Amino acid sequence: LILLDSLLQERPSLPSSSFCLLRRSMSEDAKAQAGRPEGPTIFSKILDGSIPATFIHQDDQCVAFKDVAPQAPVHFLVIPRKPIAMIEEAEETDGPLLGHMMLVAKKVAKEQGLEKGYRVVIN
């Protein structure tokens, strides 16, 4: 999952290191330790159409869509069609797919008008 938003455009006066100081309701470690649910994920449901989403990009490797609860004026996600639950489970052979997703994020960001910088989160 690649999440991209325009927070850097919206808050240019904050140094980029300030973002790590934002409070979160659950630490990143706790989120990782929480495990993953069994059965279909929200992303597999988006891909199979059981959860509706309007794709702003789609190809044979990944899709991009706007977040339903955006945290910034421009906030979208890029997800692979191949299930990869966590980045630690990515294999060496996934390198081209992961690189492709980064390039899709860049392309869609430009199409969405983000030209002064943006934040990319890989989850």
Protein backbone atom coordinates (compact mmCIF):
# COMPACT_ATOMS: atom_id res chain seq x y z
CA LEU A 1 0.00 0.00 0.00
CA ILE A 2 1.33 3.38 -0.96
CA LEU A 3 -0.52 6.30 0.55
CA LEU A 4 0.11 9.73 -0.85
CA ASP A 5 -1.18 13.03 0.44
CA SER A 6 -0.59 16.73 0.01
CA LEU A 7 0.32 17.55 3.62
CA LEU A 8 3.67 19.01 2.59
CA GLN A 9 1.93 21.35 0.17
CA GLU A 10 -0.63 22.41 2.73
CA ARG A 11 1.88 23.06 5.54
CA PRO A 12 5.02 24.39 3.87
CA SER A 13 6.12 26.25 7.02
CA LEU A 14 6.66 23.01 8.95
CA PRO A 15 9.98 21.25 8.50
CA SER A 16 9.50 17.71 7.22
CA SER A 17 10.90 16.33 10.47
CA SER A 18 7.86 17.79 12.27
CA PHE A 19 5.63 15.06 10.87
CA CYS A 20 7.24 12.43 13.07
CA LEU A 21 6.18 14.47 16.11
CA LEU A 22 2.46 14.19 15.36
CA ARG A 23 0.59 12.12 17.97
CA ARG A 24 -0.97 8.88 16.90
CA SER A 25 -3.62 6.88 18.73
CA MET A 26 -1.56 3.71 18.34
CA SER A 27 2.19 3.46 17.89
CA GLU A 28 3.57 2.06 14.65
CA ASP A 29 4.99 -0.89 16.61
CA ALA A 30 1.62 -1.63 18.19
CA LYS A 31 -0.06 -1.52 14.78
CA ALA A 32 2.45 -3.98 13.38
CA GLN A 33 2.07 -6.28 16.41
CA ALA A 34 -1.73 -6.26 16.18
CA GLY A 35 -1.60 -8.85 13.43
CA ARG A 36 -3.81 -9.04 10.43
CA PRO A 37 -7.41 -10.17 10.18
CA GLU A 38 -8.25 -13.50 8.65
CA GLY A 39 -10.28 -13.63 5.49
CA PRO A 40 -10.55 -11.01 2.78
CA THR A 41 -8.97 -7.63 3.42
CA ILE A 42 -10.56 -4.29 2.65
CA PHE A 43 -8.15 -4.00 -0.29
CA SER A 44 -9.08 -7.38 -1.75
CA LYS A 45 -12.74 -6.34 -1.46
CA ILE A 46 -11.98 -3.10 -3.33
CA LEU A 47 -10.19 -5.07 -6.03
CA ASP A 48 -13.04 -7.60 -6.43
CA GLY A 49 -15.66 -4.83 -6.46
CA SER A 50 -17.53 -5.83 -3.30
CA ILE A 51 -16.49 -2.46 -1.82
CA PRO A 52 -17.03 0.27 -4.41
CA ALA A 53 -14.14 2.58 -5.28
CA THR A 54 -13.52 4.93 -8.16
CA PHE A 55 -10.10 4.18 -9.57
CA ILE A 56 -8.07 7.21 -10.63
CA HIS A 57 -5.51 4.83 -12.12
CA GLN A 58 -5.59 1.17 -12.98
CA ASP A 59 -3.35 -1.17 -14.89
CA ASP A 60 -2.48 -4.86 -14.80
CA GLN A 61 -0.23 -4.44 -11.72
CA CYS A 62 -1.96 -1.93 -9.42
CA VAL A 63 -4.81 0.50 -8.87
CA ALA A 64 -5.03 3.95 -7.30
CA PHE A 65 -8.09 5.51 -5.67
CA LYS A 66 -8.93 8.44 -3.42
CA ASP A 67 -9.15 7.74 0.30
CA VAL A 68 -12.71 7.68 1.68
CA ALA A 69 -11.56 9.53 4.81
CA PRO A 70 -8.91 11.91 3.44
CA GLN A 71 -6.43 13.49 5.82
CA ALA A 72 -5.39 16.11 3.25
CA PRO A 73 -7.01 17.84 0.26
CA VAL A 74 -5.31 15.30 -2.03
CA HIS A 75 -5.08 11.85 -0.47
CA PHE A 76 -5.01 8.65 -2.49
CA LEU A 77 -3.82 5.08 -2.18
CA VAL A 78 -1.97 2.84 -4.62
CA ILE A 79 -2.41 -0.88 -4.01
CA PRO A 80 -0.99 -3.86 -5.87
CA ARG A 81 -3.29 -6.38 -7.50
CA LYS A 82 -1.02 -9.08 -6.06
CA PRO A 83 -1.76 -9.54 -2.35
CA ILE A 84 1.21 -8.42 -0.21
CA ALA A 85 -0.03 -8.15 3.38
CA MET A 86 3.05 -6.35 4.73
CA ILE A 87 6.21 -5.01 3.11
CA GLU A 88 8.24 -7.51 5.16
CA GLU A 89 6.50 -10.26 3.18
CA ALA A 90 7.55 -8.82 -0.19
CA GLU A 91 9.85 -11.09 -2.13
CA GLU A 92 12.83 -10.19 -4.31
CA THR A 93 10.65 -10.89 -7.34
CA ASP A 94 8.23 -8.15 -6.17
CA GLY A 95 10.86 -5.46 -6.79
CA PRO A 96 9.56 -4.46 -10.23
CA LEU A 97 5.98 -4.28 -8.89
CA LEU A 98 6.98 -2.11 -5.92
CA GLY A 99 8.99 0.18 -8.19
CA HIS A 100 6.05 0.41 -10.59
CA MET A 101 3.77 1.45 -7.73
CA MET A 102 6.13 4.28 -6.79
CA LEU A 103 6.12 5.52 -10.38
CA VAL A 104 2.31 5.30 -10.47
CA ALA A 105 2.19 7.35 -7.25
CA LYS A 106 4.37 10.00 -8.91
CA LYS A 107 2.24 10.01 -12.08
CA VAL A 108 -1.07 10.25 -10.22
CA ALA A 109 0.31 12.97 -7.91
CA LYS A 110 1.14 15.07 -10.95
CA GLU A 111 -2.31 14.41 -12.45
CA GLN A 112 -3.88 15.49 -9.14
CA GLY A 113 -1.98 18.79 -9.24
CA LEU A 114 0.69 18.04 -6.62
CA GLU A 115 3.73 19.84 -7.95
CA LYS A 116 5.18 21.46 -4.82
CA GLY A 117 5.89 18.27 -2.91
CA TYR A 118 3.92 15.58 -1.19
CA ARG A 119 4.28 12.87 1.39
CA VAL A 120 4.43 9.18 0.49
CA VAL A 121 3.76 6.53 3.13
CA ILE A 122 4.47 2.85 2.51
CA ASN A 123 2.53 0.53 4.74
